[in-house]
Each structure stands twice: as C-alpha cells, then as structure tokens.
Amino acid sequence: MDFRTSTLIKTVQSLYNPYHEMDIRHFTEKMTELYKEAKKDTNLKLLRQRAELTQRELAELAEVPLRTIQQYEQRQKNINRAQAETLARIAKQLYCNIEDLLEKF
C-alpha cells in the first residue's frame, strides 16, 4: 500500500466517530463533498489537459457548446447525466472511453 492510499484510509477511518450515526443520505452527501474537495479537477479536465487541448478546441472538435464543456469541468453540470452521444463525441476527441469521463462519486 502506498503512502497516499494509507493516508486516505486513515482519513476515512477518522470520519467514523463524527459520521457513523448519520443516516445514509447524509453520509453519502458528506462523502461526495469530501471527494470533490480531495479531487479538485474533473476527469474531463484532466483528460483534456493531457490531450493538450483548450476548452474551446475540444468544444469545436467534439461539436459540443463551449459553455457545456466549461460547466462539466466546473461541476455546474453533472457529466454523468450527459447524453451518450455527447459523451461519445468528447471521448472520441480525447482518445478515451466514455467511462473515463464519468465522475466516480
């Protein structure tokens, strides 16, 4: 187990006392919040940067409005609820699978 994984496990364990009596909905909301704090950038942003594309370039290549790309990257819109066709066009331009674009929270 690497240092980062060990630290993550210790962080989750430290949450037991304050959160173990929460109902599942509150617990899930809190874990989602912590995930977003720990992972500042979305998968879309990381993949776009790896492809060395600007938001505008990706939007043009994928034929998706620039504002949509921005909203997905800023988590103002949930990419997990995007239309399959939109995800397919973005994934094609980023040379990745649709699943790679989705957020795991």
Protein backbone atom coordinates (compact mmCIF):
# COMPACT_ATOMS: atom_id res chain seq x y z
CA MET A 1 0.00 0.00 0.00
CA ASP A 2 1.47 3.36 -0.99
CA PHE A 3 1.60 6.43 1.26
CA ARG A 4 -1.32 8.17 -0.48
CA THR A 5 -3.61 5.15 -0.10
CA SER A 6 -2.59 4.73 3.53
CA THR A 7 -3.35 8.41 4.19
CA LEU A 8 -6.74 8.12 2.50
CA ILE A 9 -7.66 5.08 4.58
CA LYS A 10 -6.65 6.87 7.78
CA THR A 11 -8.74 9.90 6.76
CA VAL A 12 -11.82 7.76 6.15
CA GLN A 13 -11.28 5.93 9.46
CA SER A 14 -11.04 9.26 11.27
CA LEU A 15 -14.52 10.11 9.99
CA TYR A 16 -16.11 7.16 11.79
CA ASN A 17 -16.88 8.95 15.06
CA PRO A 18 -18.49 12.07 13.61
CA TYR A 19 -20.41 10.24 10.87
CA HIS A 20 -21.23 6.67 11.94
CA GLU A 21 -24.68 7.61 13.25
CA MET A 22 -25.71 9.67 10.20
CA ASP A 23 -28.45 8.35 8.01
CA ILE A 24 -27.15 7.00 4.72
CA ARG A 25 -28.27 10.03 2.69
CA HIS A 26 -26.33 12.49 4.86
CA PHE A 27 -23.33 10.20 4.93
CA THR A 28 -23.35 9.93 1.13
CA GLU A 29 -23.64 13.69 0.73
CA LYS A 30 -20.71 14.23 3.10
CA MET A 31 -18.54 11.64 1.33
CA THR A 32 -19.34 13.26 -2.04
CA GLU A 33 -18.35 16.64 -0.63
CA LEU A 34 -15.06 15.25 0.70
CA TYR A 35 -14.37 13.53 -2.62
CA LYS A 36 -14.87 16.78 -4.52
CA GLU A 37 -12.58 18.63 -2.11
CA ALA A 38 -9.87 15.99 -2.49
CA LYS A 39 -10.21 15.74 -6.27
CA LYS A 40 -10.38 19.32 -7.46
CA ASP A 41 -10.22 18.61 -11.19
CA THR A 42 -12.78 16.55 -13.08
CA ASN A 43 -11.81 13.60 -15.23
CA LEU A 44 -12.83 15.65 -18.27
CA LYS A 45 -10.45 18.47 -17.38
CA LEU A 46 -7.56 16.08 -16.67
CA LEU A 47 -8.11 14.21 -19.94
CA ARG A 48 -8.46 17.44 -21.93
CA GLN A 49 -5.24 18.81 -20.47
CA ARG A 50 -3.46 15.52 -21.17
CA ALA A 51 -4.59 15.86 -24.80
CA GLU A 52 -3.18 19.41 -24.77
CA LEU A 53 -6.49 20.91 -25.91
CA THR A 54 -8.14 24.10 -24.74
CA GLN A 55 -11.78 24.01 -23.77
CA ARG A 56 -12.60 25.85 -26.99
CA GLU A 57 -10.63 23.39 -29.13
CA LEU A 58 -12.32 20.40 -27.53
CA ALA A 59 -15.73 22.01 -27.91
CA GLU A 60 -15.14 22.65 -31.61
CA LEU A 61 -13.71 19.20 -32.32
CA ALA A 62 -16.48 17.40 -30.41
CA GLU A 63 -19.18 19.73 -31.71
CA VAL A 64 -20.31 20.49 -28.16
CA PRO A 65 -21.03 24.03 -26.94
CA LEU A 66 -18.06 25.61 -25.19
CA ARG A 67 -20.27 26.52 -22.24
CA THR A 68 -21.20 22.84 -21.80
CA ILE A 69 -17.52 21.84 -21.58
CA GLN A 70 -16.96 24.63 -19.04
CA GLN A 71 -19.96 23.58 -16.96
CA TYR A 72 -18.85 19.94 -16.88
CA GLU A 73 -15.34 20.92 -15.82
CA GLN A 74 -16.64 23.24 -13.09
CA ARG A 75 -19.18 20.63 -11.94
CA GLN A 76 -22.01 23.06 -12.62
CA LYS A 77 -23.49 20.33 -14.82
CA ASN A 78 -23.21 16.64 -13.97
CA ILE A 79 -21.33 14.89 -16.77
CA ASN A 80 -22.73 11.57 -15.51
CA ARG A 81 -26.12 12.74 -16.78
CA ALA A 82 -24.91 13.83 -20.21
CA GLN A 83 -26.39 12.32 -23.33
CA ALA A 84 -24.49 9.28 -24.58
CA GLU A 85 -23.97 10.93 -27.96
CA THR A 86 -22.30 13.95 -26.34
CA LEU A 87 -20.06 11.74 -24.22
CA ALA A 88 -19.13 9.65 -27.27
CA ARG A 89 -18.09 12.74 -29.25
CA ILE A 90 -15.99 14.07 -26.37
CA ALA A 91 -14.39 10.68 -25.68
CA LYS A 92 -13.52 10.26 -29.34
CA GLN A 93 -11.60 13.55 -29.34
CA LEU A 94 -9.81 12.70 -26.11
CA TYR A 95 -8.98 9.12 -27.21
CA CYS A 96 -10.61 7.63 -24.13
CA ASN A 97 -13.61 5.55 -23.16
CA ILE A 98 -16.87 7.19 -22.14
CA GLU A 99 -16.43 5.68 -18.67
CA ASP A 100 -13.17 7.61 -18.29
CA LEU A 101 -15.14 10.87 -18.45
CA LEU A 102 -17.58 9.93 -15.70
CA GLU A 103 -17.11 11.04 -12.11
CA LYS A 104 -16.99 8.25 -9.54
CA PHE A 105 -18.91 9.78 -6.64
